[in-house]
N, C-alpha and C. Protein backbone atom coordinates (compact mmCIF):
# COMPACT_ATOMS: atom_id res chain seq x y z
N MET A 1 -11.34 0.93 10.35
CA MET A 1 -10.20 1.16 9.50
C MET A 1 -9.78 -0.19 8.89
N PRO A 2 -9.36 -0.20 7.65
CA PRO A 2 -8.98 -1.46 6.97
C PRO A 2 -7.79 -2.15 7.62
N LEU A 3 -7.77 -3.45 7.44
CA LEU A 3 -6.69 -4.29 7.94
C LEU A 3 -5.91 -4.83 6.74
N TYR A 4 -4.58 -4.80 6.83
CA TYR A 4 -3.73 -5.25 5.73
C TYR A 4 -2.80 -6.36 6.22
N CYS A 5 -2.61 -7.34 5.35
CA CYS A 5 -1.64 -8.40 5.59
C CYS A 5 -0.40 -8.07 4.77
N LEU A 6 0.73 -8.02 5.44
CA LEU A 6 2.02 -7.81 4.77
C LEU A 6 2.77 -9.13 4.85
N HIS A 7 2.97 -9.76 3.71
CA HIS A 7 3.66 -11.05 3.62
C HIS A 7 5.00 -10.77 2.96
N CYS A 8 6.07 -10.86 3.76
CA CYS A 8 7.39 -10.42 3.33
C CYS A 8 8.37 -11.60 3.34
N LEU A 9 8.95 -11.92 2.20
CA LEU A 9 9.91 -13.01 2.11
C LEU A 9 11.32 -12.43 1.98
N ASP A 10 12.24 -12.99 2.76
CA ASP A 10 13.62 -12.51 2.75
C ASP A 10 14.27 -12.73 1.39
N ASN A 11 15.20 -11.85 1.05
CA ASN A 11 15.95 -12.06 -0.18
C ASN A 11 16.84 -13.28 0.04
N GLU A 12 17.01 -14.06 -1.00
CA GLU A 12 17.68 -15.35 -0.87
C GLU A 12 19.20 -15.24 -0.90
N THR A 13 19.73 -14.07 -1.21
CA THR A 13 21.17 -13.89 -1.28
C THR A 13 21.78 -13.68 0.10
N ASP A 14 21.35 -12.63 0.79
CA ASP A 14 21.91 -12.33 2.10
C ASP A 14 20.86 -11.84 3.09
N GLY A 15 19.61 -12.23 2.84
CA GLY A 15 18.52 -11.81 3.72
C GLY A 15 18.71 -12.23 5.16
N ALA A 16 19.20 -13.45 5.38
CA ALA A 16 19.38 -13.94 6.75
C ALA A 16 20.40 -13.10 7.51
N ALA A 17 21.50 -12.75 6.87
CA ALA A 17 22.53 -11.94 7.52
C ALA A 17 22.01 -10.53 7.79
N ARG A 18 21.30 -9.97 6.83
CA ARG A 18 20.74 -8.62 7.02
C ARG A 18 19.69 -8.64 8.14
N ARG A 19 18.87 -9.70 8.18
CA ARG A 19 17.85 -9.85 9.22
C ARG A 19 18.52 -9.87 10.60
N ALA A 20 19.54 -10.68 10.75
CA ALA A 20 20.22 -10.79 12.04
C ALA A 20 20.80 -9.45 12.48
N ALA A 21 21.38 -8.72 11.56
CA ALA A 21 22.01 -7.44 11.89
C ALA A 21 20.99 -6.36 12.25
N THR A 22 19.80 -6.47 11.69
CA THR A 22 18.80 -5.41 11.83
C THR A 22 17.70 -5.75 12.83
N ARG A 23 17.70 -6.97 13.34
CA ARG A 23 16.60 -7.43 14.19
C ARG A 23 16.30 -6.52 15.38
N PRO A 24 17.28 -6.05 16.16
CA PRO A 24 16.94 -5.16 17.29
C PRO A 24 16.18 -3.90 16.86
N ALA A 25 16.61 -3.27 15.80
CA ALA A 25 15.93 -2.06 15.31
C ALA A 25 14.53 -2.39 14.81
N HIS A 26 14.40 -3.53 14.14
CA HIS A 26 13.09 -3.96 13.63
C HIS A 26 12.12 -4.20 14.79
N LEU A 27 12.56 -4.91 15.82
CA LEU A 27 11.68 -5.20 16.96
C LEU A 27 11.29 -3.92 17.69
N GLU A 28 12.20 -2.99 17.80
CA GLU A 28 11.89 -1.69 18.42
C GLU A 28 10.84 -0.95 17.60
N TRP A 29 11.00 -0.98 16.28
CA TRP A 29 10.04 -0.32 15.38
C TRP A 29 8.66 -0.95 15.53
N VAL A 30 8.57 -2.27 15.52
CA VAL A 30 7.27 -2.94 15.65
C VAL A 30 6.62 -2.56 16.97
N ALA A 31 7.38 -2.58 18.05
CA ALA A 31 6.83 -2.22 19.36
C ALA A 31 6.31 -0.79 19.38
N SER A 32 6.92 0.10 18.61
CA SER A 32 6.51 1.50 18.58
C SER A 32 5.18 1.72 17.86
N LEU A 33 4.71 0.73 17.12
CA LEU A 33 3.49 0.88 16.33
C LEU A 33 2.22 0.80 17.16
N GLY A 34 2.30 0.26 18.36
CA GLY A 34 1.11 0.15 19.21
C GLY A 34 0.00 -0.63 18.53
N ASP A 35 -1.22 -0.11 18.59
CA ASP A 35 -2.40 -0.81 18.05
C ASP A 35 -2.43 -0.87 16.53
N THR A 36 -1.55 -0.15 15.86
CA THR A 36 -1.49 -0.23 14.40
C THR A 36 -1.11 -1.64 13.96
N CYS A 37 -0.24 -2.27 14.72
CA CYS A 37 0.19 -3.64 14.41
C CYS A 37 -0.64 -4.60 15.26
N ARG A 38 -1.51 -5.35 14.61
CA ARG A 38 -2.38 -6.29 15.31
C ARG A 38 -1.69 -7.63 15.54
N MET A 39 -0.73 -7.97 14.67
CA MET A 39 0.01 -9.22 14.78
C MET A 39 1.26 -9.10 13.95
N ALA A 40 2.36 -9.66 14.45
CA ALA A 40 3.59 -9.70 13.68
C ALA A 40 4.41 -10.89 14.13
N GLY A 41 5.14 -11.48 13.20
CA GLY A 41 6.02 -12.58 13.56
C GLY A 41 6.78 -13.07 12.36
N PRO A 42 7.79 -13.92 12.62
CA PRO A 42 8.59 -14.44 11.51
C PRO A 42 7.88 -15.55 10.77
N LEU A 43 8.18 -15.65 9.49
CA LEU A 43 7.80 -16.83 8.71
C LEU A 43 8.96 -17.80 8.83
N LEU A 44 8.67 -19.08 9.01
CA LEU A 44 9.71 -20.07 9.27
C LEU A 44 9.80 -21.12 8.18
N SER A 45 11.01 -21.57 7.92
CA SER A 45 11.24 -22.68 7.00
C SER A 45 10.84 -23.97 7.71
N GLU A 46 10.81 -25.07 6.97
CA GLU A 46 10.50 -26.37 7.58
C GLU A 46 11.51 -26.74 8.65
N GLU A 47 12.72 -26.20 8.55
CA GLU A 47 13.77 -26.47 9.53
C GLU A 47 13.70 -25.51 10.73
N GLY A 48 12.83 -24.53 10.67
CA GLY A 48 12.66 -23.59 11.77
C GLY A 48 13.43 -22.30 11.65
N GLY A 49 14.13 -22.10 10.54
CA GLY A 49 14.85 -20.85 10.32
C GLY A 49 13.92 -19.74 9.84
N MET A 50 14.25 -18.50 10.17
CA MET A 50 13.45 -17.36 9.73
C MET A 50 13.69 -17.09 8.25
N ILE A 51 12.61 -17.01 7.49
CA ILE A 51 12.69 -16.78 6.04
C ILE A 51 11.87 -15.58 5.59
N GLY A 52 11.23 -14.92 6.52
CA GLY A 52 10.39 -13.78 6.17
C GLY A 52 9.64 -13.29 7.39
N SER A 53 8.69 -12.40 7.14
CA SER A 53 7.86 -11.82 8.20
C SER A 53 6.44 -11.68 7.71
N VAL A 54 5.51 -11.75 8.65
CA VAL A 54 4.10 -11.50 8.35
C VAL A 54 3.57 -10.51 9.38
N PHE A 55 2.75 -9.59 8.91
CA PHE A 55 2.15 -8.57 9.76
C PHE A 55 0.67 -8.44 9.43
N LEU A 56 -0.13 -8.15 10.42
CA LEU A 56 -1.48 -7.65 10.23
C LEU A 56 -1.47 -6.23 10.77
N MET A 57 -1.69 -5.27 9.87
CA MET A 57 -1.58 -3.85 10.22
C MET A 57 -2.87 -3.12 9.87
N VAL A 58 -3.24 -2.21 10.73
CA VAL A 58 -4.36 -1.31 10.46
C VAL A 58 -3.79 -0.11 9.73
N ALA A 59 -4.42 0.25 8.61
CA ALA A 59 -3.99 1.42 7.84
C ALA A 59 -5.19 2.03 7.13
N GLU A 60 -5.12 3.31 6.85
CA GLU A 60 -6.23 3.99 6.19
C GLU A 60 -6.49 3.47 4.79
N ASN A 61 -5.42 3.07 4.10
CA ASN A 61 -5.55 2.60 2.72
C ASN A 61 -4.26 1.86 2.33
N ALA A 62 -4.22 1.37 1.11
CA ALA A 62 -3.06 0.61 0.64
C ALA A 62 -1.80 1.47 0.60
N VAL A 63 -1.94 2.74 0.28
CA VAL A 63 -0.79 3.64 0.25
C VAL A 63 -0.18 3.74 1.66
N ALA A 64 -1.02 3.87 2.66
CA ALA A 64 -0.54 3.95 4.04
C ALA A 64 0.09 2.63 4.48
N ALA A 65 -0.47 1.51 4.04
CA ALA A 65 0.11 0.20 4.36
C ALA A 65 1.50 0.06 3.74
N ARG A 66 1.65 0.52 2.50
CA ARG A 66 2.97 0.49 1.85
C ARG A 66 3.96 1.40 2.58
N ALA A 67 3.47 2.53 3.08
CA ALA A 67 4.34 3.45 3.82
C ALA A 67 4.81 2.81 5.13
N LEU A 68 3.93 2.05 5.79
CA LEU A 68 4.35 1.32 6.99
C LEU A 68 5.47 0.35 6.64
N ASN A 69 5.29 -0.39 5.56
CA ASN A 69 6.33 -1.34 5.14
C ASN A 69 7.64 -0.61 4.83
N ALA A 70 7.55 0.52 4.18
CA ALA A 70 8.76 1.28 3.81
C ALA A 70 9.51 1.78 5.04
N ALA A 71 8.80 1.99 6.15
CA ALA A 71 9.43 2.48 7.37
C ALA A 71 10.09 1.37 8.19
N ASP A 72 9.81 0.12 7.87
CA ASP A 72 10.38 -1.01 8.61
C ASP A 72 11.89 -1.05 8.42
N PRO A 73 12.67 -1.12 9.49
CA PRO A 73 14.11 -1.24 9.34
C PRO A 73 14.54 -2.43 8.47
N TYR A 74 13.77 -3.51 8.47
CA TYR A 74 14.08 -4.65 7.59
C TYR A 74 13.99 -4.23 6.13
N THR A 75 12.96 -3.48 5.79
CA THR A 75 12.81 -3.00 4.41
C THR A 75 13.96 -2.09 4.05
N LYS A 76 14.27 -1.15 4.94
CA LYS A 76 15.36 -0.20 4.68
C LYS A 76 16.71 -0.89 4.52
N ALA A 77 16.90 -2.02 5.22
CA ALA A 77 18.17 -2.74 5.17
C ALA A 77 18.24 -3.76 4.03
N GLY A 78 17.17 -3.89 3.25
CA GLY A 78 17.18 -4.82 2.13
C GLY A 78 17.00 -6.27 2.52
N VAL A 79 16.38 -6.52 3.67
CA VAL A 79 16.14 -7.90 4.11
C VAL A 79 15.18 -8.61 3.16
N PHE A 80 14.12 -7.93 2.76
CA PHE A 80 13.07 -8.57 1.98
C PHE A 80 13.37 -8.59 0.49
N GLY A 81 13.12 -9.74 -0.12
CA GLY A 81 13.23 -9.87 -1.56
C GLY A 81 11.89 -9.67 -2.25
N ARG A 82 10.82 -10.09 -1.55
CA ARG A 82 9.47 -9.95 -2.08
C ARG A 82 8.52 -9.54 -0.96
N VAL A 83 7.62 -8.61 -1.28
CA VAL A 83 6.63 -8.15 -0.32
C VAL A 83 5.28 -8.11 -1.02
N HIS A 84 4.29 -8.75 -0.41
CA HIS A 84 2.92 -8.71 -0.92
C HIS A 84 2.06 -8.06 0.16
N ILE A 85 1.29 -7.05 -0.22
CA ILE A 85 0.43 -6.33 0.71
C ILE A 85 -1.00 -6.44 0.18
N SER A 86 -1.86 -7.01 1.02
CA SER A 86 -3.26 -7.22 0.62
C SER A 86 -4.19 -6.80 1.74
N GLU A 87 -5.26 -6.13 1.38
CA GLU A 87 -6.29 -5.85 2.38
C GLU A 87 -6.96 -7.17 2.76
N THR A 88 -7.31 -7.29 4.02
CA THR A 88 -7.95 -8.51 4.50
C THR A 88 -9.03 -8.14 5.51
N ARG A 89 -9.81 -9.12 5.91
CA ARG A 89 -10.80 -8.94 6.97
C ARG A 89 -10.61 -10.04 7.98
N TRP A 90 -10.70 -9.69 9.24
CA TRP A 90 -10.56 -10.65 10.32
C TRP A 90 -11.93 -11.29 10.53
N ALA A 91 -12.14 -12.47 9.99
CA ALA A 91 -13.45 -13.11 10.05
C ALA A 91 -13.62 -13.96 11.31
N TYR A 92 -12.51 -14.55 11.79
CA TYR A 92 -12.63 -15.48 12.90
C TYR A 92 -11.30 -15.60 13.63
N GLY A 93 -11.37 -15.89 14.90
CA GLY A 93 -10.16 -16.20 15.67
C GLY A 93 -9.94 -15.25 16.82
N GLU A 94 -9.16 -15.73 17.78
CA GLU A 94 -8.84 -14.95 18.95
C GLU A 94 -8.15 -13.67 18.54
N GLY A 95 -8.50 -12.60 19.19
CA GLY A 95 -7.90 -11.30 18.90
C GLY A 95 -8.68 -10.47 17.90
N LYS A 96 -9.77 -11.05 17.36
CA LYS A 96 -10.57 -10.29 16.40
C LYS A 96 -11.11 -9.02 17.05
N PRO A 97 -10.92 -7.87 16.40
CA PRO A 97 -11.45 -6.62 16.96
C PRO A 97 -12.97 -6.67 17.08
N ALA A 98 -13.50 -6.03 18.08
CA ALA A 98 -14.96 -6.02 18.31
C ALA A 98 -15.68 -5.25 17.24
């Protein structure tokens, strides 16, 4: 099944506040995905603050990857200002599927 990278940048107006308010629901949602989510974590500024999120997700196609993003509580709460979804291949590194 294809692997997708979701690169999500917080909106610059109030993304940080929305992120903080929605974080528990977002983390619960990510945990519920099981093997669908191969990797997830915050994108950090040079100062160490959270400015976005990155995910590696397994999905049948780009439409399904967009649906995963749409279900994220962060997306529903308007945390993200920009989202880029691209199919990728895991060529190297720990955690590569067999």
